[in-house]
Amino acid sequence: MLIVTTDYITGKDLEMLGLVKGSTIQTKNVGRDISQSFKTLVGGELKSYNEMMNDARALATKRMVEEAEAMGADAIVGVRYASAAIMQGAAEAIAYGTAVKFI
């Protein structure tokens, strides 16, 4: 599955199939959450949360691709990502785009 952020694919004529999306809500365990809160005292990267968001984006992308494959898509164009805090230590990651078929 070809995934691009552009609205077109050079050299391809596209038939738009529709919106596809994938999402997940991820959280860290309490122990990691407490240890990461101490990091705010000294500053620096919150690696545990960075890993959590990378995993969340990967899962959201996988779910988006599965939805596109179910529609018979060859690619997804105009892909975007968004995230939102749901509660302390939990975040939602969303991947969305337009499923297309090559003509």
PDB file of N, CA and C in Angstrom:
ATOM      1  N   MET A   1       0.865  -1.187   0.000  1.00  0.00           N
ATOM      2  CA  MET A   1       0.000   0.000   0.000  1.00  0.00           C
ATOM      3  C   MET A   1       0.898   1.233   0.000  1.00  0.00           C
ATOM      4  N   LEU A   2       0.687   2.083  -0.967  1.00  0.00           N
ATOM      5  CA  LEU A   2       1.422   3.337  -1.062  1.00  0.00           C
ATOM      6  C   LEU A   2       0.704   4.376  -0.213  1.00  0.00           C
ATOM      7  N   ILE A   3       1.432   5.056   0.648  1.00  0.00           N
ATOM      8  CA  ILE A   3       0.864   6.076   1.533  1.00  0.00           C
ATOM      9  C   ILE A   3       1.645   7.361   1.330  1.00  0.00           C
ATOM     10  N   VAL A   4       0.943   8.435   0.944  1.00  0.00           N
ATOM     11  CA  VAL A   4       1.609   9.718   0.703  1.00  0.00           C
ATOM     12  C   VAL A   4       0.838  10.859   1.354  1.00  0.00           C
ATOM     13  N   THR A   5       1.549  11.932   1.633  1.00  0.00           N
ATOM     14  CA  THR A   5       0.906  13.114   2.206  1.00  0.00           C
ATOM     15  C   THR A   5       0.409  14.080   1.138  1.00  0.00           C
ATOM     16  N   THR A   6       0.828  13.863  -0.101  1.00  0.00           N
ATOM     17  CA  THR A   6       0.379  14.720  -1.204  1.00  0.00           C
ATOM     18  C   THR A   6      -1.025  14.298  -1.648  1.00  0.00           C
ATOM     19  N   ASP A   7      -1.684  15.159  -2.416  1.00  0.00           N
ATOM     20  CA  ASP A   7      -3.030  14.860  -2.902  1.00  0.00           C
ATOM     21  C   ASP A   7      -3.011  14.128  -4.240  1.00  0.00           C
ATOM     22  N   TYR A   8      -1.840  13.781  -4.720  1.00  0.00           N
ATOM     23  CA  TYR A   8      -1.697  13.103  -6.001  1.00  0.00           C
ATOM     24  C   TYR A   8      -0.475  12.202  -5.947  1.00  0.00           C
ATOM     25  N   ILE A   9      -0.362  11.329  -6.934  1.00  0.00           N
ATOM     26  CA  ILE A   9       0.824  10.487  -7.099  1.00  0.00           C
ATOM     27  C   ILE A   9       1.292  10.709  -8.526  1.00  0.00           C
ATOM     28  N   THR A  10       2.485  11.228  -8.681  1.00  0.00           N
ATOM     29  CA  THR A  10       3.018  11.566  -9.997  1.00  0.00           C
ATOM     30  C   THR A  10       2.928  10.368 -10.937  1.00  0.00           C
ATOM     31  N   GLY A  11       2.365  10.624 -12.126  1.00  0.00           N
ATOM     32  CA  GLY A  11       2.277   9.597 -13.154  1.00  0.00           C
ATOM     33  C   GLY A  11       1.107   8.645 -13.000  1.00  0.00           C
ATOM     34  N   LYS A  12       0.242   8.862 -12.019  1.00  0.00           N
ATOM     35  CA  LYS A  12      -0.906   7.975 -11.797  1.00  0.00           C
ATOM     36  C   LYS A  12      -2.210   8.757 -11.895  1.00  0.00           C
ATOM     37  N   ASP A  13      -3.180   8.170 -12.589  1.00  0.00           N
ATOM     38  CA  ASP A  13      -4.538   8.694 -12.564  1.00  0.00           C
ATOM     39  C   ASP A  13      -5.256   7.975 -11.434  1.00  0.00           C
ATOM     40  N   LEU A  14      -5.997   8.749 -10.632  1.00  0.00           N
ATOM     41  CA  LEU A  14      -6.589   8.186  -9.425  1.00  0.00           C
ATOM     42  C   LEU A  14      -8.106   8.267  -9.433  1.00  0.00           C
ATOM     43  N   GLU A  15      -8.713   7.214  -8.935  1.00  0.00           N
ATOM     44  CA  GLU A  15     -10.152   7.206  -8.654  1.00  0.00           C
ATOM     45  C   GLU A  15     -10.288   7.279  -7.135  1.00  0.00           C
ATOM     46  N   MET A  16     -10.958   8.306  -6.650  1.00  0.00           N
ATOM     47  CA  MET A  16     -11.132   8.481  -5.217  1.00  0.00           C
ATOM     48  C   MET A  16     -12.177   7.494  -4.701  1.00  0.00           C
ATOM     49  N   LEU A  17     -11.829   6.766  -3.649  1.00  0.00           N
ATOM     50  CA  LEU A  17     -12.759   5.800  -3.065  1.00  0.00           C
ATOM     51  C   LEU A  17     -13.431   6.332  -1.807  1.00  0.00           C
ATOM     52  N   GLY A  18     -12.734   7.198  -1.086  1.00  0.00           N
ATOM     53  CA  GLY A  18     -13.332   7.770   0.115  1.00  0.00           C
ATOM     54  C   GLY A  18     -12.367   7.875   1.274  1.00  0.00           C
ATOM     55  N   LEU A  19     -12.873   8.462   2.331  1.00  0.00           N
ATOM     56  CA  LEU A  19     -12.104   8.685   3.554  1.00  0.00           C
ATOM     57  C   LEU A  19     -11.796   7.361   4.246  1.00  0.00           C
ATOM     58  N   VAL A  20     -10.548   7.231   4.705  1.00  0.00           N
ATOM     59  CA  VAL A  20     -10.161   6.103   5.556  1.00  0.00           C
ATOM     60  C   VAL A  20      -9.472   6.666   6.785  1.00  0.00           C
ATOM     61  N   LYS A  21      -9.638   5.979   7.897  1.00  0.00           N
ATOM     62  CA  LYS A  21      -9.022   6.466   9.134  1.00  0.00           C
ATOM     63  C   LYS A  21      -8.730   5.305  10.051  1.00  0.00           C
ATOM     64  N   GLY A  22      -7.840   5.573  10.973  1.00  0.00           N
ATOM     65  CA  GLY A  22      -7.510   4.615  12.014  1.00  0.00           C
ATOM     66  C   GLY A  22      -7.170   5.396  13.260  1.00  0.00           C
ATOM     67  N   SER A  23      -7.494   4.838  14.412  1.00  0.00           N
ATOM     68  CA  SER A  23      -7.183   5.541  15.651  1.00  0.00           C
ATOM     69  C   SER A  23      -6.914   4.553  16.771  1.00  0.00           C
ATOM     70  N   THR A  24      -6.304   5.051  17.817  1.00  0.00           N
ATOM     71  CA  THR A  24      -6.065   4.271  19.024  1.00  0.00           C
ATOM     72  C   THR A  24      -5.887   5.232  20.187  1.00  0.00           C
ATOM     73  N   ILE A  25      -6.166   4.755  21.365  1.00  0.00           N
ATOM     74  CA  ILE A  25      -5.884   5.513  22.591  1.00  0.00           C
ATOM     75  C   ILE A  25      -4.882   4.700  23.383  1.00  0.00           C
ATOM     76  N   GLN A  26      -3.775   5.334  23.717  1.00  0.00           N
ATOM     77  CA  GLN A  26      -2.687   4.656  24.419  1.00  0.00           C
ATOM     78  C   GLN A  26      -2.430   5.329  25.759  1.00  0.00           C
ATOM     79  N   THR A  27      -1.922   4.558  26.701  1.00  0.00           N
ATOM     80  CA  THR A  27      -1.530   5.088  28.001  1.00  0.00           C
ATOM     81  C   THR A  27      -0.301   4.335  28.491  1.00  0.00           C
ATOM     82  N   LYS A  28       0.422   4.940  29.400  1.00  0.00           N
ATOM     83  CA  LYS A  28       1.566   4.298  30.034  1.00  0.00           C
ATOM     84  C   LYS A  28       1.137   3.791  31.400  1.00  0.00           C
ATOM     85  N   ASN A  29       1.863   2.782  31.904  1.00  0.00           N
ATOM     86  CA  ASN A  29       1.511   2.284  33.226  1.00  0.00           C
ATOM     87  C   ASN A  29       1.890   3.307  34.299  1.00  0.00           C
ATOM     88  N   VAL A  30       1.309   3.165  35.456  1.00  0.00           N
ATOM     89  CA  VAL A  30       1.470   4.148  36.535  1.00  0.00           C
ATOM     90  C   VAL A  30       2.931   4.332  36.925  1.00  0.00           C
ATOM     91  N   GLY A  31       3.688   3.263  37.010  1.00  0.00           N
ATOM     92  CA  GLY A  31       5.106   3.353  37.378  1.00  0.00           C
ATOM     93  C   GLY A  31       5.897   4.213  36.414  1.00  0.00           C
ATOM     94  N   ARG A  32       5.681   3.994  35.142  1.00  0.00           N
ATOM     95  CA  ARG A  32       6.377   4.803  34.129  1.00  0.00           C
ATOM     96  C   ARG A  32       5.895   6.238  34.158  1.00  0.00           C
ATOM     97  N   ASP A  33       4.606   6.435  34.402  1.00  0.00           N
ATOM     98  CA  ASP A  33       4.042   7.778  34.445  1.00  0.00           C
ATOM     99  C   ASP A  33       4.683   8.576  35.572  1.00  0.00           C
ATOM    100  N   ILE A  34       4.850   7.956  36.728  1.00  0.00           N
ATOM    101  CA  ILE A  34       5.468   8.638  37.871  1.00  0.00           C
ATOM    102  C   ILE A  34       6.930   8.953  37.570  1.00  0.00           C
ATOM    103  N   SER A  35       7.650   7.985  37.002  1.00  0.00           N
ATOM    104  CA  SER A  35       9.067   8.223  36.709  1.00  0.00           C
ATOM    105  C   SER A  35       9.244   9.332  35.672  1.00  0.00           C
ATOM    106  N   GLN A  36       8.339   9.415  34.705  1.00  0.00           N
ATOM    107  CA  GLN A  36       8.428  10.467  33.703  1.00  0.00           C
ATOM    108  C   GLN A  36       8.080  11.830  34.284  1.00  0.00           C
ATOM    109  N   SER A  37       7.228  11.862  35.318  1.00  0.00           N
ATOM    110  CA  SER A  37       6.865  13.149  35.925  1.00  0.00           C
ATOM    111  C   SER A  37       8.070  13.769  36.622  1.00  0.00           C
ATOM    112  N   PHE A  38       8.995  12.961  37.120  1.00  0.00           N
ATOM    113  CA  PHE A  38      10.216  13.495  37.731  1.00  0.00           C
ATOM    114  C   PHE A  38      11.093  14.187  36.694  1.00  0.00           C
ATOM    115  N   LYS A  39      10.996  13.748  35.430  1.00  0.00           N
ATOM    116  CA  LYS A  39      11.778  14.338  34.350  1.00  0.00           C
ATOM    117  C   LYS A  39      11.416  15.813  34.150  1.00  0.00           C
ATOM    118  N   THR A  40      10.195  16.195  34.503  1.00  0.00           N
ATOM    119  CA  THR A  40       9.785  17.590  34.331  1.00  0.00           C
ATOM    120  C   THR A  40      10.558  18.515  35.270  1.00  0.00           C
ATOM    121  N   LEU A  41      11.144  17.951  36.317  1.00  0.00           N
ATOM    122  CA  LEU A  41      11.931  18.771  37.246  1.00  0.00           C
ATOM    123  C   LEU A  41      13.266  19.199  36.643  1.00  0.00           C
ATOM    124  N   VAL A  42      13.860  18.333  35.831  1.00  0.00           N
ATOM    125  CA  VAL A  42      15.182  18.625  35.273  1.00  0.00           C
ATOM    126  C   VAL A  42      15.152  18.920  33.778  1.00  0.00           C
ATOM    127  N   GLY A  43      14.036  18.619  33.122  1.00  0.00           N
ATOM    128  CA  GLY A  43      13.926  18.851  31.692  1.00  0.00           C
ATOM    129  C   GLY A  43      14.472  17.697  30.877  1.00  0.00           C
ATOM    130  N   GLY A  44      14.215  17.736  29.590  1.00  0.00           N
ATOM    131  CA  GLY A  44      14.696  16.702  28.684  1.00  0.00           C
ATOM    132  C   GLY A  44      13.554  15.952  28.021  1.00  0.00           C
ATOM    133  N   GLU A  45      13.939  15.045  27.146  1.00  0.00           N
ATOM    134  CA  GLU A  45      12.963  14.268  26.384  1.00  0.00           C
ATOM    135  C   GLU A  45      12.288  13.224  27.264  1.00  0.00           C
ATOM    136  N   LEU A  46      10.991  13.089  27.095  1.00  0.00           N
ATOM    137  CA  LEU A  46      10.222  12.064  27.796  1.00  0.00           C
ATOM    138  C   LEU A  46      10.159  10.841  26.877  1.00  0.00           C
ATOM    139  N   LYS A  47      11.214  10.040  26.917  1.00  0.00           N
ATOM    140  CA  LYS A  47      11.363   8.936  25.966  1.00  0.00           C
ATOM    141  C   LYS A  47      10.226   7.929  26.044  1.00  0.00           C
ATOM    142  N   SER A  48       9.739   7.671  27.225  1.00  0.00           N
ATOM    143  CA  SER A  48       8.652   6.719  27.397  1.00  0.00           C
ATOM    144  C   SER A  48       7.395   7.185  26.659  1.00  0.00           C
ATOM    145  N   TYR A  49       7.093   8.481  26.748  1.00  0.00           N
ATOM    146  CA  TYR A  49       5.929   9.020  26.052  1.00  0.00           C
ATOM    147  C   TYR A  49       6.173   9.114  24.550  1.00  0.00           C
ATOM    148  N   ASN A  50       7.387   9.392  24.168  1.00  0.00           N
ATOM    149  CA  ASN A  50       7.736   9.416  22.752  1.00  0.00           C
ATOM    150  C   ASN A  50       7.508   8.039  22.129  1.00  0.00           C
ATOM    151  N   GLU A  51       7.947   6.989  22.823  1.00  0.00           N
ATOM    152  CA  GLU A  51       7.733   5.621  22.352  1.00  0.00           C
ATOM    153  C   GLU A  51       6.239   5.304  22.284  1.00  0.00           C
ATOM    154  N   MET A  52       5.499   5.739  23.297  1.00  0.00           N
ATOM    155  CA  MET A  52       4.062   5.501  23.324  1.00  0.00           C
ATOM    156  C   MET A  52       3.395   6.124  22.096  1.00  0.00           C
ATOM    157  N   MET A  53       3.741   7.366  21.774  1.00  0.00           N
ATOM    158  CA  MET A  53       3.122   8.043  20.637  1.00  0.00           C
ATOM    159  C   MET A  53       3.560   7.433  19.304  1.00  0.00           C
ATOM    160  N   ASN A  54       4.820   7.001  19.207  1.00  0.00           N
ATOM    161  CA  ASN A  54       5.270   6.312  17.987  1.00  0.00           C
ATOM    162  C   ASN A  54       4.484   5.027  17.783  1.00  0.00           C
ATOM    163  N   ASP A  55       4.286   4.254  18.870  1.00  0.00           N
ATOM    164  CA  ASP A  55       3.501   3.023  18.792  1.00  0.00           C
ATOM    165  C   ASP A  55       2.056   3.330  18.413  1.00  0.00           C
ATOM    166  N   ALA A  56       1.501   4.387  18.980  1.00  0.00           N
ATOM    167  CA  ALA A  56       0.116   4.766  18.697  1.00  0.00           C
ATOM    168  C   ALA A  56      -0.049   5.169  17.239  1.00  0.00           C
ATOM    169  N   ARG A  57       0.880   5.969  16.697  1.00  0.00           N
ATOM    170  CA  ARG A  57       0.800   6.364  15.286  1.00  0.00           C
ATOM    171  C   ARG A  57       0.918   5.152  14.369  1.00  0.00           C
ATOM    172  N   ALA A  58       1.811   4.222  14.722  1.00  0.00           N
ATOM    173  CA  ALA A  58       1.980   3.014  13.903  1.00  0.00           C
ATOM    174  C   ALA A  58       0.699   2.179  13.894  1.00  0.00           C
ATOM    175  N   LEU A  59       0.059   2.035  15.041  1.00  0.00           N
ATOM    176  CA  LEU A  59      -1.181   1.265  15.111  1.00  0.00           C
ATOM    177  C   LEU A  59      -2.314   1.978  14.373  1.00  0.00           C
ATOM    178  N   ALA A  60      -2.409   3.291  14.514  1.00  0.00           N
ATOM    179  CA  ALA A  60      -3.434   4.055  13.803  1.00  0.00           C
ATOM    180  C   ALA A  60      -3.227   3.933  12.293  1.00  0.00           C
ATOM    181  N   THR A  61      -1.982   3.987  11.834  1.00  0.00           N
ATOM    182  CA  THR A  61      -1.665   3.837  10.410  1.00  0.00           C
ATOM    183  C   THR A  61      -2.067   2.452   9.924  1.00  0.00           C
ATOM    184  N   LYS A  62      -1.741   1.432  10.704  1.00  0.00           N
ATOM    185  CA  LYS A  62      -2.092   0.052  10.346  1.00  0.00           C
ATOM    186  C   LYS A  62      -3.603  -0.089  10.184  1.00  0.00           C
ATOM    187  N   ARG A  63      -4.362   0.478  11.093  1.00  0.00           N
ATOM    188  CA  ARG A  63      -5.823   0.390  11.019  1.00  0.00           C
ATOM    189  C   ARG A  63      -6.377   1.155   9.821  1.00  0.00           C
ATOM    190  N   MET A  64      -5.754   2.294   9.493  1.00  0.00           N
ATOM    191  CA  MET A  64      -6.161   3.062   8.320  1.00  0.00           C
ATOM    192  C   MET A  64      -5.912   2.249   7.049  1.00  0.00           C
ATOM    193  N   VAL A  65      -4.752   1.617   6.958  1.00  0.00           N
ATOM    194  CA  VAL A  65      -4.404   0.803   5.794  1.00  0.00           C
ATOM    195  C   VAL A  65      -5.368  -0.377   5.657  1.00  0.00           C
ATOM    196  N   GLU A  66      -5.704  -1.019   6.767  1.00  0.00           N
ATOM    197  CA  GLU A  66      -6.649  -2.141   6.722  1.00  0.00           C
ATOM    198  C   GLU A  66      -8.007  -1.694   6.177  1.00  0.00           C
ATOM    199  N   GLU A  67      -8.448  -0.505   6.581  1.00  0.00           N
ATOM    200  CA  GLU A  67      -9.719   0.027   6.074  1.00  0.00           C
ATOM    201  C   GLU A  67      -9.635   0.289   4.573  1.00  0.00           C
ATOM    202  N   ALA A  68      -8.502   0.832   4.119  1.00  0.00           N
ATOM    203  CA  ALA A  68      -8.309   1.107   2.688  1.00  0.00           C
ATOM    204  C   ALA A  68      -8.256  -0.195   1.894  1.00  0.00           C
ATOM    205  N   GLU A  69      -7.576  -1.197   2.405  1.00  0.00           N
ATOM    206  CA  GLU A  69      -7.495  -2.492   1.717  1.00  0.00           C
ATOM    207  C   GLU A  69      -8.875  -3.126   1.586  1.00  0.00           C
ATOM    208  N   ALA A  70      -9.707  -2.971   2.602  1.00  0.00           N
ATOM    209  CA  ALA A  70     -11.068  -3.511   2.556  1.00  0.00           C
ATOM    210  C   ALA A  70     -11.907  -2.840   1.470  1.00  0.00           C
ATOM    211  N   MET A  71     -11.541  -1.608   1.096  1.00  0.00           N
ATOM    212  CA  MET A  71     -12.235  -0.874   0.037  1.00  0.00           C
ATOM    213  C   MET A  71     -11.650  -1.193  -1.342  1.00  0.00           C
ATOM    214  N   GLY A  72     -10.556  -1.956  -1.385  1.00  0.00           N
ATOM    215  CA  GLY A  72      -9.898  -2.275  -2.647  1.00  0.00           C
ATOM    216  C   GLY A  72      -8.942  -1.200  -3.124  1.00  0.00           C
ATOM    217  N   ALA A  73      -8.441  -0.372  -2.217  1.00  0.00           N
ATOM    218  CA  ALA A  73      -7.554   0.737  -2.579  1.00  0.00           C
ATOM    219  C   ALA A  73      -6.150   0.254  -2.939  1.00  0.00           C
ATOM    220  N   ASP A  74      -5.516   1.021  -3.814  1.00  0.00           N
ATOM    221  CA  ASP A  74      -4.116   0.797  -4.160  1.00  0.00           C
ATOM    222  C   ASP A  74      -3.191   1.709  -3.364  1.00  0.00           C
ATOM    223  N   ALA A  75      -3.743   2.831  -2.883  1.00  0.00           N
ATOM    224  CA  ALA A  75      -2.923   3.818  -2.173  1.00  0.00           C
ATOM    225  C   ALA A  75      -3.819   4.678  -1.288  1.00  0.00           C
ATOM    226  N   ILE A  76      -3.168   5.464  -0.435  1.00  0.00           N
ATOM    227  CA  ILE A  76      -3.862   6.467   0.376  1.00  0.00           C
ATOM    228  C   ILE A  76      -3.126   7.781   0.169  1.00  0.00           C
ATOM    229  N   VAL A  77      -3.867   8.799  -0.248  1.00  0.00           N
ATOM    230  CA  VAL A  77      -3.278  10.120  -0.475  1.00  0.00           C
ATOM    231  C   VAL A  77      -3.768  11.097   0.582  1.00  0.00           C
ATOM    232  N   GLY A  78      -3.057  12.203   0.708  1.00  0.00           N
ATOM    233  CA  GLY A  78      -3.456  13.250   1.647  1.00  0.00           C
ATOM    234  C   GLY A  78      -3.443  12.800   3.099  1.00  0.00           C
ATOM    235  N   VAL A  79      -2.519  11.927   3.440  1.00  0.00           N
ATOM    236  CA  VAL A  79      -2.482  11.372   4.806  1.00  0.00           C
ATOM    237  C   VAL A  79      -2.084  12.449   5.808  1.00  0.00           C
ATOM    238  N   ARG A  80      -2.804  12.470   6.904  1.00  0.00           N
ATOM    239  CA  ARG A  80      -2.542  13.397   8.006  1.00  0.00           C
ATOM    240  C   ARG A  80      -2.623  12.631   9.320  1.00  0.00           C
ATOM    241  N   TYR A  81      -1.951  13.180  10.320  1.00  0.00           N
ATOM    242  CA  TYR A  81      -1.986  12.627  11.672  1.00  0.00           C
ATOM    243  C   TYR A  81      -2.444  13.708  12.636  1.00  0.00           C
ATOM    244  N   ALA A  82      -3.147  13.295  13.658  1.00  0.00           N
ATOM    245  CA  ALA A  82      -3.566  14.208  14.716  1.00  0.00           C
ATOM    246  C   ALA A  82      -3.507  13.445  16.029  1.00  0.00           C
ATOM    247  N   SER A  83      -3.356  14.191  17.107  1.00  0.00           N
ATOM    248  CA  SER A  83      -3.378  13.556  18.427  1.00  0.00           C
ATOM    249  C   SER A  83      -4.063  14.493  19.402  1.00  0.00           C
ATOM    250  N   ALA A  84      -4.563  13.893  20.465  1.00  0.00           N
ATOM    251  CA  ALA A  84      -5.252  14.677  21.489  1.00  0.00           C
ATOM    252  C   ALA A  84      -5.068  13.994  22.828  1.00  0.00           C
ATOM    253  N   ALA A  85      -4.919  14.793  23.861  1.00  0.00           N
ATOM    254  CA  ALA A  85      -4.851  14.255  25.218  1.00  0.00           C
ATOM    255  C   ALA A  85      -6.259  13.857  25.637  1.00  0.00           C
ATOM    256  N   ILE A  86      -6.391  12.663  26.141  1.00  0.00           N
ATOM    257  CA  ILE A  86      -7.686  12.165  26.584  1.00  0.00           C
ATOM    258  C   ILE A  86      -7.833  12.361  28.096  1.00  0.00           C
ATOM    259  N   MET A  87      -6.753  12.072  28.817  1.00  0.00           N
ATOM    260  CA  MET A  87      -6.680  12.255  30.259  1.00  0.00           C
ATOM    261  C   MET A  87      -5.207  12.256  30.636  1.00  0.00           C
ATOM    262  N   GLN A  88      -4.886  12.458  31.870  1.00  0.00           N
ATOM    263  CA  GLN A  88      -3.486  12.462  32.321  1.00  0.00           C
ATOM    264  C   GLN A  88      -2.798  11.166  31.891  1.00  0.00           C
ATOM    265  N   GLY A  89      -1.773  11.265  31.059  1.00  0.00           N
ATOM    266  CA  GLY A  89      -0.993  10.100  30.663  1.00  0.00           C
ATOM    267  C   GLY A  89      -1.596   9.265  29.554  1.00  0.00           C
ATOM    268  N   ALA A  90      -2.697   9.707  28.951  1.00  0.00           N
ATOM    269  CA  ALA A  90      -3.314   8.960  27.854  1.00  0.00           C
ATOM    270  C   ALA A  90      -3.542   9.893  26.676  1.00  0.00           C
ATOM    271  N   ALA A  91      -3.300   9.371  25.475  1.00  0.00           N
ATOM    272  CA  ALA A  91      -3.461  10.187  24.276  1.00  0.00           C
ATOM    273  C   ALA A  91      -4.073   9.360  23.162  1.00  0.00           C
ATOM    274  N   GLU A  92      -4.845  10.040  22.319  1.00  0.00           N
ATOM    275  CA  GLU A  92      -5.413   9.417  21.133  1.00  0.00           C
ATOM    276  C   GLU A  92      -4.578   9.833  19.927  1.00  0.00           C
ATOM    277  N   ALA A  93      -4.276   8.886  19.076  1.00  0.00           N
ATOM    278  CA  ALA A  93      -3.593   9.166  17.815  1.00  0.00           C
ATOM    279  C   ALA A  93      -4.541   8.775  16.689  1.00  0.00           C
ATOM    280  N   ILE A  94      -4.648   9.636  15.685  1.00  0.00           N
ATOM    281  CA  ILE A  94      -5.540   9.406  14.549  1.00  0.00           C
ATOM    282  C   ILE A  94      -4.738   9.572  13.261  1.00  0.00           C
ATOM    283  N   ALA A  95      -4.922   8.648  12.336  1.00  0.00           N
ATOM    284  CA  ALA A  95      -4.356   8.751  10.994  1.00  0.00           C
ATOM    285  C   ALA A  95      -5.536   8.750  10.027  1.00  0.00           C
ATOM    286  N   TYR A  96      -5.520   9.652   9.033  1.00  0.00           N
ATOM    287  CA  TYR A  96      -6.617   9.682   8.073  1.00  0.00           C
ATOM    288  C   TYR A  96      -6.120  10.157   6.714  1.00  0.00           C
ATOM    289  N   GLY A  97      -6.847   9.775   5.686  1.00  0.00           N
ATOM    290  CA  GLY A  97      -6.492  10.157   4.330  1.00  0.00           C
ATOM    291  C   GLY A  97      -7.586   9.718   3.378  1.00  0.00           C
ATOM    292  N   THR A  98      -7.290   9.777   2.091  1.00  0.00           N
ATOM    293  CA  THR A  98      -8.252   9.386   1.059  1.00  0.00           C
ATOM    294  C   THR A  98      -7.759   8.135   0.354  1.00  0.00           C
ATOM    295  N   ALA A  99      -8.571   7.084   0.388  1.00  0.00           N
ATOM    296  CA  ALA A  99      -8.245   5.851  -0.316  1.00  0.00           C
ATOM    297  C   ALA A  99      -8.474   6.079  -1.807  1.00  0.00           C
ATOM    298  N   VAL A 100      -7.529   5.588  -2.623  1.00  0.00           N
ATOM    299  CA  VAL A 100      -7.631   5.748  -4.073  1.00  0.00           C
ATOM    300  C   VAL A 100      -7.291   4.440  -4.785  1.00  0.00           C
ATOM    301  N   LYS A 101      -7.810   4.333  -5.983  1.00  0.00           N
ATOM    302  CA  LYS A 101      -7.505   3.197  -6.854  1.00  0.00           C
ATOM    303  C   LYS A 101      -6.831   3.752  -8.101  1.00  0.00           C
ATOM    304  N   PHE A 102      -5.809   3.070  -8.583  1.00  0.00           N
ATOM    305  CA  PHE A 102      -5.147   3.493  -9.815  1.00  0.00           C
ATOM    306  C   PHE A 102      -6.038   3.150 -11.008  1.00  0.00           C
ATOM    307  N   ILE A 103      -6.157   4.092 -11.946  1.00  0.00           N
ATOM    308  CA  ILE A 103      -6.983   3.882 -13.128  1.00  0.00           C
ATOM    309  C   ILE A 103      -6.080   3.386 -14.251  1.00  0.00           C
TER     310      ILE A 103
END
